[in-house]
Amino acid sequence: MPGLRYVYAVCRPPGAPLQAQLTGIGGAPPALLHHHGLVVVVSTVPEGDFGEEALRARQGDHDWLAATTRAHQGVIDALTTVTTPLPLRPVTVFRDDSGVRTMVEAREDDFRRVLDRLEGRVEWRVQAHADRAGSGPDAPARALHERLSRHAEDSRLQPPQHAPPAAAPGRPVLDAAYLVRRADSEEFVELVRRTKAEVPGLRVHLTGPWAAYSFSGEFSGDET
C-alpha cells in the first residue's frame, strides 16, 4: 500500500546536511522536497496509520499522539541546527508530493515572509514561579519579562497556567517566549542566569533554543 507524505517544516536549503542517522515518524528518515527555492521536509508514513479514518480513530490515543509529537519535534530540533525551519503542525499529511507542492504554492508568499523574519533567530522559553511564602505578587515577574524583552526582538506571553517544572515549584507567574538572534543567544542565556540570582522570590526555568514556534503564525495543510 502506498504511503502518505508527512510534512515537518518548510525552510530554505540547509547550510549543512541533516544527521545521517536522523529518523522521523515511524523510524523513517526525512527527505528534502525542493520547490521554487524552498525546501519542504517530509517523510513517508503508512496510510493505515495516518489516513483520515485512522487519525480520527486515534484522537483519544494519547500515547500514540505523544510518540508522534516527540518524533516530529526531533526532526525540527535537528533542522534548527542547520537552518531556520518554519515548523508545521504535527500530523500535517498529504496524499503525495503533488499535494505538498500545491500547499506550498498556495502559501509561498507567506512562507517566504515569515522565513525572512525568522532567519538566524531562535526561540527561548522562560517560565517563572513565585515562592509560595514570598510576599510580593507578580511585580518581580513583570520586571523579569520587561528586562528580557529588551534583549529580544519579539516576545509572546502565555497565561501562566502550566504545571511548574519539577525544579521550580511554586505559583506560576510567567510563561513567555522570546525571539532572539542565534548570535545573541549566549548573551541572552547569561542575562537569564544573572537575573535568576538578582530577583528574589522567583524560580526561573529556561529552555531552548527552539525553532521559533511562537512566532511562526498558524501554518498547517489540509490532511490527506
N, C-alpha and C. Protein backbone atom coordinates (compact mmCIF):
# COMPACT_ATOMS: atom_id res chain seq x y z
N MET A 1 0.85 -1.20 0.00
CA MET A 1 0.00 0.00 0.00
C MET A 1 0.89 1.25 0.00
N PRO A 2 0.66 2.18 -0.92
CA PRO A 2 1.50 3.39 -0.97
C PRO A 2 1.31 4.23 0.28
N GLY A 3 2.37 4.95 0.64
CA GLY A 3 2.30 5.77 1.83
C GLY A 3 1.85 7.18 1.53
N LEU A 4 1.67 7.93 2.60
CA LEU A 4 1.31 9.35 2.53
C LEU A 4 2.55 10.18 2.83
N ARG A 5 2.46 11.46 2.51
CA ARG A 5 3.57 12.38 2.76
C ARG A 5 3.29 13.18 4.04
N TYR A 6 4.14 12.96 5.03
CA TYR A 6 4.07 13.68 6.30
C TYR A 6 5.03 14.88 6.20
N VAL A 7 4.54 16.07 6.56
CA VAL A 7 5.34 17.29 6.43
C VAL A 7 5.73 17.80 7.82
N TYR A 8 7.04 18.03 8.00
CA TYR A 8 7.55 18.55 9.27
C TYR A 8 7.67 20.07 9.25
N ALA A 9 8.24 20.60 8.19
CA ALA A 9 8.59 22.02 8.19
C ALA A 9 8.88 22.49 6.77
N VAL A 10 8.88 23.80 6.62
CA VAL A 10 9.34 24.47 5.40
C VAL A 10 10.55 25.30 5.79
N CYS A 11 11.57 25.30 4.94
CA CYS A 11 12.77 26.08 5.23
C CYS A 11 13.44 26.45 3.92
N ARG A 12 14.55 27.14 4.03
CA ARG A 12 15.42 27.34 2.88
C ARG A 12 16.49 26.25 2.89
N PRO A 13 17.19 26.05 1.78
CA PRO A 13 18.16 24.94 1.74
C PRO A 13 19.12 25.00 2.93
N PRO A 14 19.25 23.91 3.66
CA PRO A 14 20.13 23.89 4.83
C PRO A 14 21.58 24.17 4.45
N GLY A 15 22.30 24.77 5.39
CA GLY A 15 23.70 25.06 5.15
C GLY A 15 24.60 23.86 5.36
N ALA A 16 24.05 22.78 5.90
CA ALA A 16 24.80 21.54 6.12
C ALA A 16 23.81 20.39 6.02
N PRO A 17 24.30 19.19 5.73
CA PRO A 17 23.38 18.06 5.63
C PRO A 17 22.78 17.69 6.98
N LEU A 18 21.59 17.10 6.95
CA LEU A 18 20.99 16.59 8.17
C LEU A 18 21.80 15.40 8.68
N GLN A 19 21.65 15.11 9.97
CA GLN A 19 22.35 13.98 10.55
C GLN A 19 22.00 12.71 9.78
N ALA A 20 23.02 11.92 9.47
CA ALA A 20 22.80 10.71 8.67
C ALA A 20 21.88 9.73 9.36
N GLN A 21 21.93 9.69 10.70
CA GLN A 21 21.14 8.72 11.45
C GLN A 21 19.77 9.27 11.86
N LEU A 22 19.42 10.47 11.41
CA LEU A 22 18.16 11.09 11.83
C LEU A 22 16.97 10.31 11.30
N THR A 23 16.02 10.02 12.17
CA THR A 23 14.77 9.39 11.78
C THR A 23 13.61 10.22 12.28
N GLY A 24 12.49 10.08 11.61
CA GLY A 24 11.29 10.81 11.99
C GLY A 24 10.17 9.88 12.40
N ILE A 25 8.97 10.16 11.92
CA ILE A 25 7.81 9.37 12.27
C ILE A 25 7.98 7.93 11.82
N GLY A 26 7.73 7.01 12.74
CA GLY A 26 7.82 5.59 12.41
C GLY A 26 9.21 5.11 12.04
N GLY A 27 10.24 5.87 12.39
CA GLY A 27 11.60 5.48 12.09
C GLY A 27 12.05 5.79 10.68
N ALA A 28 11.20 6.44 9.89
CA ALA A 28 11.56 6.76 8.50
C ALA A 28 12.46 8.00 8.46
N PRO A 29 13.51 7.98 7.63
CA PRO A 29 14.37 9.16 7.54
C PRO A 29 13.65 10.28 6.79
N PRO A 30 13.82 11.52 7.21
CA PRO A 30 13.20 12.64 6.50
C PRO A 30 13.89 12.89 5.16
N ALA A 31 13.15 13.41 4.22
CA ALA A 31 13.68 13.75 2.90
C ALA A 31 13.40 15.22 2.63
N LEU A 32 14.15 15.80 1.68
CA LEU A 32 14.00 17.21 1.34
C LEU A 32 13.34 17.32 -0.03
N LEU A 33 12.20 17.98 -0.07
CA LEU A 33 11.47 18.20 -1.31
C LEU A 33 11.67 19.66 -1.70
N HIS A 34 12.40 19.90 -2.79
CA HIS A 34 12.73 21.26 -3.22
C HIS A 34 11.62 21.81 -4.11
N HIS A 35 11.28 23.09 -3.88
CA HIS A 35 10.21 23.70 -4.66
C HIS A 35 10.41 25.22 -4.69
N HIS A 36 10.79 25.75 -5.85
CA HIS A 36 10.93 27.21 -6.04
C HIS A 36 11.85 27.85 -5.00
N GLY A 37 12.96 27.19 -4.70
CA GLY A 37 13.92 27.76 -3.75
C GLY A 37 13.59 27.50 -2.30
N LEU A 38 12.46 26.89 -2.03
CA LEU A 38 12.12 26.48 -0.67
C LEU A 38 12.34 24.98 -0.54
N VAL A 39 12.44 24.53 0.68
CA VAL A 39 12.61 23.11 0.96
C VAL A 39 11.50 22.68 1.91
N VAL A 40 10.82 21.60 1.55
CA VAL A 40 9.82 21.01 2.43
C VAL A 40 10.39 19.71 2.97
N VAL A 41 10.42 19.58 4.28
CA VAL A 41 10.99 18.39 4.92
C VAL A 41 9.86 17.40 5.16
N VAL A 42 9.98 16.23 4.55
CA VAL A 42 8.87 15.25 4.54
C VAL A 42 9.41 13.86 4.86
N SER A 43 8.50 12.96 5.16
CA SER A 43 8.81 11.54 5.18
C SER A 43 7.56 10.77 4.79
N THR A 44 7.74 9.52 4.45
CA THR A 44 6.61 8.68 4.05
C THR A 44 6.07 7.95 5.26
N VAL A 45 4.74 7.99 5.43
CA VAL A 45 4.09 7.32 6.56
C VAL A 45 2.99 6.43 6.01
N PRO A 46 2.65 5.35 6.71
CA PRO A 46 1.63 4.43 6.20
C PRO A 46 0.23 5.03 6.28
N GLU A 47 -0.53 4.84 5.22
CA GLU A 47 -1.89 5.34 5.21
C GLU A 47 -2.74 4.67 6.29
N GLY A 48 -2.39 3.44 6.62
CA GLY A 48 -3.13 2.75 7.67
C GLY A 48 -3.05 3.43 9.03
N ASP A 49 -1.99 4.23 9.24
CA ASP A 49 -1.83 4.96 10.50
C ASP A 49 -2.19 6.44 10.38
N PHE A 50 -2.06 7.01 9.18
CA PHE A 50 -2.19 8.45 9.02
C PHE A 50 -3.28 8.88 8.03
N GLY A 51 -4.04 7.92 7.52
CA GLY A 51 -5.18 8.29 6.70
C GLY A 51 -6.25 8.96 7.54
N GLU A 52 -7.22 9.54 6.87
CA GLU A 52 -8.25 10.32 7.57
C GLU A 52 -8.99 9.48 8.61
N GLU A 53 -9.39 8.28 8.25
CA GLU A 53 -10.13 7.44 9.19
C GLU A 53 -9.24 7.00 10.35
N ALA A 54 -8.00 6.66 10.03
CA ALA A 54 -7.08 6.23 11.08
C ALA A 54 -6.81 7.34 12.09
N LEU A 55 -6.65 8.56 11.61
CA LEU A 55 -6.38 9.67 12.52
C LEU A 55 -7.59 9.96 13.40
N ARG A 56 -8.79 9.85 12.83
CA ARG A 56 -9.99 10.04 13.66
C ARG A 56 -10.04 8.99 14.77
N ALA A 57 -9.69 7.76 14.42
CA ALA A 57 -9.73 6.69 15.41
C ALA A 57 -8.68 6.87 16.50
N ARG A 58 -7.60 7.56 16.18
CA ARG A 58 -6.50 7.72 17.13
C ARG A 58 -6.60 9.00 17.97
N GLN A 59 -7.65 9.76 17.82
CA GLN A 59 -7.75 11.04 18.53
C GLN A 59 -7.64 10.88 20.04
N GLY A 60 -8.09 9.78 20.56
CA GLY A 60 -8.01 9.57 22.01
C GLY A 60 -6.82 8.74 22.45
N ASP A 61 -5.94 8.38 21.51
CA ASP A 61 -4.78 7.57 21.83
C ASP A 61 -3.62 8.49 22.22
N HIS A 62 -3.57 8.84 23.49
CA HIS A 62 -2.60 9.85 23.94
C HIS A 62 -1.17 9.35 23.82
N ASP A 63 -0.94 8.06 24.03
CA ASP A 63 0.42 7.54 23.92
C ASP A 63 0.92 7.66 22.48
N TRP A 64 0.06 7.32 21.51
CA TRP A 64 0.45 7.42 20.11
C TRP A 64 0.69 8.87 19.72
N LEU A 65 -0.20 9.75 20.16
CA LEU A 65 -0.04 11.17 19.84
C LEU A 65 1.24 11.73 20.43
N ALA A 66 1.56 11.33 21.68
CA ALA A 66 2.77 11.82 22.33
C ALA A 66 4.02 11.31 21.60
N ALA A 67 4.01 10.04 21.20
CA ALA A 67 5.16 9.49 20.49
C ALA A 67 5.34 10.16 19.13
N THR A 68 4.23 10.42 18.44
CA THR A 68 4.30 11.09 17.15
C THR A 68 4.83 12.51 17.30
N THR A 69 4.37 13.21 18.33
CA THR A 69 4.82 14.58 18.57
C THR A 69 6.31 14.61 18.90
N ARG A 70 6.79 13.63 19.67
CA ARG A 70 8.22 13.58 20.00
C ARG A 70 9.06 13.35 18.75
N ALA A 71 8.61 12.44 17.89
CA ALA A 71 9.36 12.18 16.66
C ALA A 71 9.36 13.41 15.76
N HIS A 72 8.22 14.10 15.69
CA HIS A 72 8.11 15.33 14.91
C HIS A 72 9.09 16.37 15.46
N GLN A 73 9.09 16.53 16.77
CA GLN A 73 9.96 17.53 17.39
C GLN A 73 11.43 17.18 17.19
N GLY A 74 11.76 15.90 17.17
CA GLY A 74 13.15 15.51 16.95
C GLY A 74 13.67 15.98 15.61
N VAL A 75 12.83 15.90 14.57
CA VAL A 75 13.24 16.38 13.25
C VAL A 75 13.38 17.90 13.27
N ILE A 76 12.44 18.59 13.91
CA ILE A 76 12.53 20.05 13.98
C ILE A 76 13.80 20.48 14.71
N ASP A 77 14.11 19.81 15.81
CA ASP A 77 15.33 20.15 16.56
C ASP A 77 16.57 19.96 15.68
N ALA A 78 16.61 18.88 14.91
CA ALA A 78 17.76 18.64 14.03
C ALA A 78 17.85 19.71 12.95
N LEU A 79 16.71 20.10 12.40
CA LEU A 79 16.70 21.16 11.39
C LEU A 79 17.22 22.48 11.96
N THR A 80 16.88 22.75 13.22
CA THR A 80 17.26 24.02 13.83
C THR A 80 18.76 24.18 13.93
N THR A 81 19.51 23.09 13.90
CA THR A 81 20.97 23.18 13.98
C THR A 81 21.60 23.52 12.65
N VAL A 82 20.86 23.37 11.53
CA VAL A 82 21.47 23.59 10.21
C VAL A 82 20.75 24.65 9.38
N THR A 83 19.57 25.10 9.83
CA THR A 83 18.81 26.09 9.08
C THR A 83 17.79 26.73 10.01
N THR A 84 16.94 27.59 9.46
CA THR A 84 15.85 28.19 10.23
C THR A 84 14.54 27.58 9.73
N PRO A 85 13.99 26.59 10.45
CA PRO A 85 12.78 25.95 9.95
C PRO A 85 11.52 26.71 10.35
N LEU A 86 10.52 26.59 9.53
CA LEU A 86 9.18 27.05 9.85
C LEU A 86 8.36 25.80 10.11
N PRO A 87 8.18 25.42 11.39
CA PRO A 87 7.53 24.14 11.68
C PRO A 87 6.04 24.17 11.31
N LEU A 88 5.57 23.07 10.75
CA LEU A 88 4.15 22.90 10.57
C LEU A 88 3.60 22.10 11.74
N ARG A 89 2.30 22.13 11.88
CA ARG A 89 1.70 21.41 13.00
C ARG A 89 1.98 19.91 12.89
N PRO A 90 2.17 19.24 14.03
CA PRO A 90 2.28 17.78 13.97
C PRO A 90 1.08 17.16 13.26
N VAL A 91 1.35 16.10 12.55
CA VAL A 91 0.34 15.34 11.80
C VAL A 91 -0.26 16.18 10.67
N THR A 92 0.60 16.89 9.95
CA THR A 92 0.21 17.53 8.69
C THR A 92 0.57 16.55 7.58
N VAL A 93 -0.45 16.02 6.91
CA VAL A 93 -0.26 14.90 5.99
C VAL A 93 -0.94 15.20 4.65
N PHE A 94 -0.28 14.78 3.56
CA PHE A 94 -0.82 14.96 2.22
C PHE A 94 -0.79 13.62 1.48
N ARG A 95 -1.59 13.55 0.44
CA ARG A 95 -1.68 12.30 -0.31
C ARG A 95 -0.36 11.94 -0.99
N ASP A 96 0.33 12.96 -1.54
CA ASP A 96 1.56 12.69 -2.28
C ASP A 96 2.34 14.00 -2.41
N ASP A 97 3.46 13.94 -3.12
CA ASP A 97 4.29 15.13 -3.30
C ASP A 97 3.53 16.23 -4.03
N SER A 98 2.66 15.87 -4.93
CA SER A 98 1.88 16.87 -5.65
C SER A 98 1.02 17.68 -4.69
N GLY A 99 0.43 17.02 -3.71
CA GLY A 99 -0.35 17.75 -2.71
C GLY A 99 0.50 18.67 -1.87
N VAL A 100 1.72 18.23 -1.56
CA VAL A 100 2.63 19.08 -0.80
C VAL A 100 2.99 20.32 -1.61
N ARG A 101 3.30 20.13 -2.88
CA ARG A 101 3.68 21.27 -3.73
C ARG A 101 2.50 22.24 -3.90
N THR A 102 1.31 21.72 -4.02
CA THR A 102 0.13 22.59 -4.13
C THR A 102 -0.02 23.45 -2.89
N MET A 103 0.21 22.86 -1.71
CA MET A 103 0.14 23.61 -0.46
C MET A 103 1.19 24.72 -0.43
N VAL A 104 2.41 24.39 -0.86
CA VAL A 104 3.49 25.38 -0.83
C VAL A 104 3.19 26.52 -1.80
N GLU A 105 2.71 26.20 -2.99
CA GLU A 105 2.39 27.25 -3.96
C GLU A 105 1.30 28.18 -3.43
N ALA A 106 0.32 27.63 -2.74
CA ALA A 106 -0.77 28.44 -2.22
C ALA A 106 -0.30 29.39 -1.11
N ARG A 107 0.75 29.00 -0.38
CA ARG A 107 1.19 29.80 0.76
C ARG A 107 2.63 30.29 0.62
N GLU A 108 3.13 30.25 -0.60
CA GLU A 108 4.54 30.54 -0.83
C GLU A 108 4.94 31.92 -0.33
N ASP A 109 4.14 32.94 -0.61
CA ASP A 109 4.48 34.29 -0.18
C ASP A 109 4.52 34.38 1.35
N ASP A 110 3.57 33.73 2.01
CA ASP A 110 3.55 33.74 3.47
C ASP A 110 4.77 33.02 4.03
N PHE A 111 5.11 31.87 3.47
CA PHE A 111 6.28 31.14 3.94
C PHE A 111 7.54 31.99 3.81
N ARG A 112 7.71 32.64 2.66
CA ARG A 112 8.91 33.45 2.45
C ARG A 112 8.96 34.63 3.41
N ARG A 113 7.82 35.27 3.61
CA ARG A 113 7.77 36.43 4.52
C ARG A 113 8.18 36.03 5.94
N VAL A 114 7.62 34.93 6.44
CA VAL A 114 7.94 34.51 7.80
C VAL A 114 9.37 34.01 7.90
N LEU A 115 9.83 33.27 6.90
CA LEU A 115 11.21 32.81 6.93
C LEU A 115 12.20 33.97 6.90
N ASP A 116 11.90 35.01 6.13
CA ASP A 116 12.75 36.20 6.13
C ASP A 116 12.84 36.80 7.53
N ARG A 117 11.71 36.83 8.22
CA ARG A 117 11.68 37.43 9.56
C ARG A 117 12.42 36.57 10.58
N LEU A 118 12.34 35.26 10.43
CA LEU A 118 12.91 34.36 11.43
C LEU A 118 14.34 33.94 11.13
N GLU A 119 14.85 34.28 9.97
CA GLU A 119 16.19 33.83 9.56
C GLU A 119 17.23 34.15 10.63
N GLY A 120 17.97 33.13 11.05
CA GLY A 120 19.04 33.33 12.02
C GLY A 120 18.56 33.57 13.43
N ARG A 121 17.29 33.25 13.72
CA ARG A 121 16.72 33.51 15.04
C ARG A 121 16.17 32.22 15.64
N VAL A 122 16.16 32.17 16.95
CA VAL A 122 15.64 31.01 17.67
C VAL A 122 14.73 31.49 18.80
N GLU A 123 14.01 30.55 19.36
CA GLU A 123 13.09 30.86 20.46
C GLU A 123 13.64 30.31 21.77
N TRP A 124 13.59 31.15 22.79
CA TRP A 124 13.90 30.74 24.16
C TRP A 124 12.63 30.87 25.00
N ARG A 125 12.39 29.89 25.85
CA ARG A 125 11.19 29.87 26.69
C ARG A 125 11.59 30.07 28.14
N VAL A 126 10.89 30.99 28.82
CA VAL A 126 11.17 31.27 30.23
C VAL A 126 9.88 31.11 31.02
N GLN A 127 9.94 30.28 32.03
CA GLN A 127 8.84 30.14 32.98
C GLN A 127 9.34 30.52 34.36
N ALA A 128 8.52 31.23 35.09
CA ALA A 128 8.90 31.66 36.44
C ALA A 128 7.79 31.30 37.42
N HIS A 129 8.20 30.92 38.61
CA HIS A 129 7.28 30.54 39.67
C HIS A 129 7.66 31.27 40.94
N ALA A 130 6.67 31.85 41.59
CA ALA A 130 6.91 32.60 42.82
C ALA A 130 6.90 31.64 44.01
N ASP A 131 7.83 31.87 44.93
CA ASP A 131 7.82 31.11 46.18
C ASP A 131 6.49 31.34 46.87
N ARG A 132 5.89 30.27 47.31
CA ARG A 132 4.58 30.41 47.95
C ARG A 132 4.66 31.24 49.23
N ALA A 133 5.84 31.23 49.84
CA ALA A 133 6.00 32.02 51.06
C ALA A 133 6.36 33.47 50.78
N GLY A 134 6.61 33.79 49.49
CA GLY A 134 7.01 35.14 49.16
C GLY A 134 5.90 36.15 49.41
N SER A 135 6.28 37.39 49.64
CA SER A 135 5.29 38.42 49.97
C SER A 135 4.75 39.11 48.74
N GLY A 136 5.60 39.37 47.73
CA GLY A 136 5.15 40.12 46.56
C GLY A 136 4.29 39.30 45.64
N PRO A 137 3.38 39.92 44.87
CA PRO A 137 2.55 39.17 43.92
C PRO A 137 3.32 38.91 42.63
N ASP A 138 3.03 39.64 41.56
CA ASP A 138 3.61 39.34 40.26
C ASP A 138 4.58 40.40 39.78
N ALA A 139 4.86 41.42 40.57
CA ALA A 139 5.74 42.50 40.14
C ALA A 139 7.12 42.01 39.71
N PRO A 140 7.76 41.09 40.47
CA PRO A 140 9.08 40.61 40.02
C PRO A 140 9.01 39.92 38.67
N ALA A 141 7.92 39.21 38.41
CA ALA A 141 7.81 38.54 37.10
C ALA A 141 7.66 39.55 35.98
N ARG A 142 6.92 40.62 36.20
CA ARG A 142 6.78 41.67 35.18
C ARG A 142 8.12 42.32 34.92
N ALA A 143 8.89 42.57 35.98
CA ALA A 143 10.21 43.18 35.81
C ALA A 143 11.14 42.25 35.03
N LEU A 144 11.04 40.95 35.31
CA LEU A 144 11.84 39.97 34.59
C LEU A 144 11.48 39.98 33.11
N HIS A 145 10.19 39.95 32.81
CA HIS A 145 9.75 39.94 31.42
C HIS A 145 10.19 41.21 30.69
N GLU A 146 10.05 42.36 31.31
CA GLU A 146 10.46 43.61 30.68
C GLU A 146 11.96 43.61 30.40
N ARG A 147 12.72 43.09 31.33
CA ARG A 147 14.18 43.07 31.16
C ARG A 147 14.58 42.15 30.01
N LEU A 148 13.98 40.97 29.96
CA LEU A 148 14.32 40.03 28.89
C LEU A 148 13.82 40.53 27.54
N SER A 149 12.67 41.18 27.53
CA SER A 149 12.10 41.68 26.27
C SER A 149 13.01 42.71 25.62
N ARG A 150 13.71 43.49 26.44
CA ARG A 150 14.62 44.50 25.89
C ARG A 150 15.80 43.86 25.18
N HIS A 151 16.08 42.60 25.46
CA HIS A 151 17.21 41.91 24.84
C HIS A 151 16.74 40.88 23.82
N ALA A 152 15.48 40.97 23.42
CA ALA A 152 14.92 40.07 22.41
C ALA A 152 14.28 40.90 21.31
N GLU A 153 14.12 40.32 20.13
CA GLU A 153 13.49 41.04 19.03
C GLU A 153 11.98 41.02 19.14
N ASP A 154 11.44 40.03 19.81
CA ASP A 154 9.99 39.93 19.99
C ASP A 154 9.74 39.00 21.17
N SER A 155 8.52 39.03 21.68
CA SER A 155 8.18 38.14 22.79
C SER A 155 6.70 37.81 22.72
N ARG A 156 6.34 36.70 23.34
CA ARG A 156 4.95 36.27 23.43
C ARG A 156 4.69 35.80 24.85
N LEU A 157 3.63 36.33 25.44
CA LEU A 157 3.22 35.90 26.77
C LEU A 157 2.10 34.88 26.67
N GLN A 158 2.19 33.84 27.48
CA GLN A 158 1.13 32.86 27.60
C GLN A 158 0.57 32.93 29.02
N PRO A 159 -0.70 32.60 29.21
CA PRO A 159 -1.22 32.55 30.58
C PRO A 159 -0.41 31.56 31.41
N PRO A 160 0.12 31.97 32.56
CA PRO A 160 0.96 31.07 33.36
C PRO A 160 0.12 30.04 34.10
N GLN A 161 -0.41 29.07 33.35
CA GLN A 161 -1.30 28.07 33.94
C GLN A 161 -0.69 26.69 33.94
N HIS A 162 0.49 26.54 33.33
CA HIS A 162 1.06 25.21 33.18
C HIS A 162 1.60 24.71 34.52
N ALA A 163 1.63 23.39 34.64
CA ALA A 163 2.21 22.81 35.85
C ALA A 163 3.68 23.20 35.93
N PRO A 164 4.14 23.62 37.09
CA PRO A 164 5.53 24.06 37.19
C PRO A 164 6.50 22.91 36.99
N PRO A 165 7.66 23.18 36.39
CA PRO A 165 8.68 22.14 36.27
C PRO A 165 9.08 21.63 37.64
N ALA A 166 9.55 20.40 37.69
CA ALA A 166 9.89 19.79 38.97
C ALA A 166 10.94 20.61 39.71
N ALA A 167 11.81 21.27 38.93
CA ALA A 167 12.88 22.05 39.57
C ALA A 167 12.42 23.42 40.02
N ALA A 168 11.18 23.77 39.73
CA ALA A 168 10.71 25.12 40.04
C ALA A 168 9.31 25.08 40.63
N PRO A 169 9.16 24.55 41.85
CA PRO A 169 7.83 24.53 42.47
C PRO A 169 7.39 25.93 42.84
N GLY A 170 6.11 26.10 43.06
CA GLY A 170 5.58 27.40 43.44
C GLY A 170 4.45 27.81 42.54
N ARG A 171 4.00 29.05 42.69
CA ARG A 171 2.88 29.58 41.93
C ARG A 171 3.38 30.10 40.58
N PRO A 172 2.82 29.61 39.45
CA PRO A 172 3.29 30.09 38.14
C PRO A 172 2.90 31.55 37.93
N VAL A 173 3.88 32.38 37.57
CA VAL A 173 3.62 33.81 37.37
C VAL A 173 4.09 34.31 36.01
N LEU A 174 4.87 33.52 35.28
CA LEU A 174 5.34 33.96 33.96
C LEU A 174 5.56 32.75 33.08
N ASP A 175 5.05 32.84 31.86
CA ASP A 175 5.32 31.85 30.82
C ASP A 175 5.46 32.63 29.52
N ALA A 176 6.68 32.79 29.04
CA ALA A 176 6.93 33.68 27.91
C ALA A 176 7.94 33.06 26.95
N ALA A 177 7.79 33.41 25.68
CA ALA A 177 8.73 33.02 24.64
C ALA A 177 9.41 34.27 24.10
N TYR A 178 10.70 34.14 23.80
CA TYR A 178 11.49 35.28 23.33
C TYR A 178 12.18 34.91 22.02
N LEU A 179 12.05 35.79 21.03
CA LEU A 179 12.71 35.61 19.75
C LEU A 179 14.05 36.31 19.81
N VAL A 180 15.13 35.52 19.66
CA VAL A 180 16.48 36.03 19.87
C VAL A 180 17.35 35.63 18.68
N ARG A 181 18.18 36.57 18.24
CA ARG A 181 19.16 36.22 17.20
C ARG A 181 20.06 35.10 17.73
N ARG A 182 20.30 34.10 16.88
CA ARG A 182 21.15 32.99 17.31
C ARG A 182 22.50 33.50 17.82
N ALA A 183 23.02 34.52 17.15
CA ALA A 183 24.32 35.06 17.55
C ALA A 183 24.28 35.72 18.92
N ASP A 184 23.07 36.10 19.38
CA ASP A 184 22.94 36.76 20.68
C ASP A 184 22.46 35.81 21.76
N SER A 185 22.34 34.52 21.45
CA SER A 185 21.75 33.58 22.40
C SER A 185 22.60 33.42 23.65
N GLU A 186 23.91 33.36 23.49
CA GLU A 186 24.76 33.19 24.67
C GLU A 186 24.58 34.35 25.64
N GLU A 187 24.49 35.56 25.09
CA GLU A 187 24.27 36.73 25.93
C GLU A 187 22.91 36.68 26.61
N PHE A 188 21.88 36.21 25.88
CA PHE A 188 20.54 36.12 26.46
C PHE A 188 20.51 35.09 27.59
N VAL A 189 21.14 33.95 27.38
CA VAL A 189 21.19 32.93 28.43
C VAL A 189 21.90 33.46 29.67
N GLU A 190 22.98 34.18 29.48
CA GLU A 190 23.71 34.75 30.62
C GLU A 190 22.86 35.77 31.35
N LEU A 191 22.07 36.55 30.61
CA LEU A 191 21.17 37.52 31.23
C LEU A 191 20.15 36.81 32.12
N VAL A 192 19.59 35.72 31.63
CA VAL A 192 18.63 34.96 32.44
C VAL A 192 19.31 34.43 33.70
N ARG A 193 20.51 33.93 33.56
CA ARG A 193 21.22 33.40 34.73
C ARG A 193 21.48 34.48 35.77
N ARG A 194 21.91 35.66 35.30
CA ARG A 194 22.14 36.75 36.25
C ARG A 194 20.85 37.17 36.93
N THR A 195 19.79 37.25 36.14
CA THR A 195 18.51 37.70 36.68
C THR A 195 17.98 36.73 37.72
N LYS A 196 18.19 35.44 37.50
CA LYS A 196 17.74 34.45 38.48
C LYS A 196 18.34 34.72 39.85
N ALA A 197 19.58 35.17 39.85
CA ALA A 197 20.24 35.45 41.13
C ALA A 197 19.84 36.80 41.72
N GLU A 198 19.39 37.71 40.85
CA GLU A 198 19.12 39.08 41.30
C GLU A 198 17.68 39.34 41.70
N VAL A 199 16.75 38.52 41.23
CA VAL A 199 15.33 38.74 41.52
C VAL A 199 14.91 37.79 42.62
N PRO A 200 14.66 38.28 43.83
CA PRO A 200 14.29 37.39 44.94
C PRO A 200 12.85 36.89 44.78
N GLY A 201 12.62 35.72 45.33
CA GLY A 201 11.25 35.20 45.37
C GLY A 201 10.79 34.53 44.10
N LEU A 202 11.66 34.41 43.08
CA LEU A 202 11.28 33.76 41.82
C LEU A 202 12.18 32.57 41.53
N ARG A 203 11.58 31.52 41.03
CA ARG A 203 12.32 30.38 40.50
C ARG A 203 12.15 30.43 38.98
N VAL A 204 13.23 30.55 38.25
CA VAL A 204 13.20 30.78 36.80
C VAL A 204 13.72 29.55 36.09
N HIS A 205 12.95 29.11 35.08
CA HIS A 205 13.29 27.91 34.31
C HIS A 205 13.41 28.31 32.84
N LEU A 206 14.60 28.09 32.25
CA LEU A 206 14.89 28.46 30.86
C LEU A 206 15.03 27.20 30.01
N THR A 207 14.38 27.19 28.83
CA THR A 207 14.57 26.09 27.88
C THR A 207 14.81 26.67 26.48
N GLY A 208 15.51 25.90 25.65
CA GLY A 208 15.82 26.32 24.30
C GLY A 208 17.27 25.99 23.98
N PRO A 209 17.73 26.40 22.82
CA PRO A 209 16.98 27.14 21.79
C PRO A 209 16.06 26.22 20.99
N TRP A 210 14.88 26.73 20.68
CA TRP A 210 13.90 26.01 19.90
C TRP A 210 13.70 26.70 18.54
N ALA A 211 13.11 25.96 17.62
CA ALA A 211 12.57 26.63 16.44
C ALA A 211 11.52 27.63 16.91
N ALA A 212 11.33 28.69 16.14
CA ALA A 212 10.50 29.82 16.61
C ALA A 212 9.01 29.53 16.45
N TYR A 213 8.53 28.50 17.16
CA TYR A 213 7.12 28.13 17.09
C TYR A 213 6.20 29.30 17.40
N SER A 214 6.50 30.03 18.46
CA SER A 214 5.60 31.07 18.94
C SER A 214 5.52 32.26 18.00
N PHE A 215 6.41 32.32 17.01
CA PHE A 215 6.48 33.47 16.11
C PHE A 215 6.27 33.08 14.65
N SER A 216 5.79 31.85 14.44
CA SER A 216 5.65 31.32 13.09
C SER A 216 4.27 31.52 12.50
N GLY A 217 3.32 31.96 13.28
CA GLY A 217 1.96 32.06 12.77
C GLY A 217 1.31 30.70 12.71
N GLU A 218 0.15 30.62 12.10
CA GLU A 218 -0.60 29.37 12.02
C GLU A 218 -0.42 28.75 10.64
N PHE A 219 0.47 27.76 10.56
CA PHE A 219 0.70 27.10 9.29
C PHE A 219 0.32 25.63 9.42
N SER A 220 -0.61 25.18 8.59
CA SER A 220 -0.93 23.77 8.51
C SER A 220 -1.63 23.51 7.18
N GLY A 221 -1.53 22.29 6.71
CA GLY A 221 -2.17 21.94 5.46
C GLY A 221 -3.37 21.07 5.68
N ASP A 222 -4.21 20.93 4.66
CA ASP A 222 -5.34 20.03 4.74
C ASP A 222 -4.84 18.60 4.74
N GLU A 223 -5.30 17.82 5.68
CA GLU A 223 -4.87 16.43 5.77
C GLU A 223 -5.39 15.63 4.58
N THR A 224 -4.51 14.73 4.14
CA THR A 224 -4.79 13.85 3.01
C THR A 224 -5.42 14.60 1.87
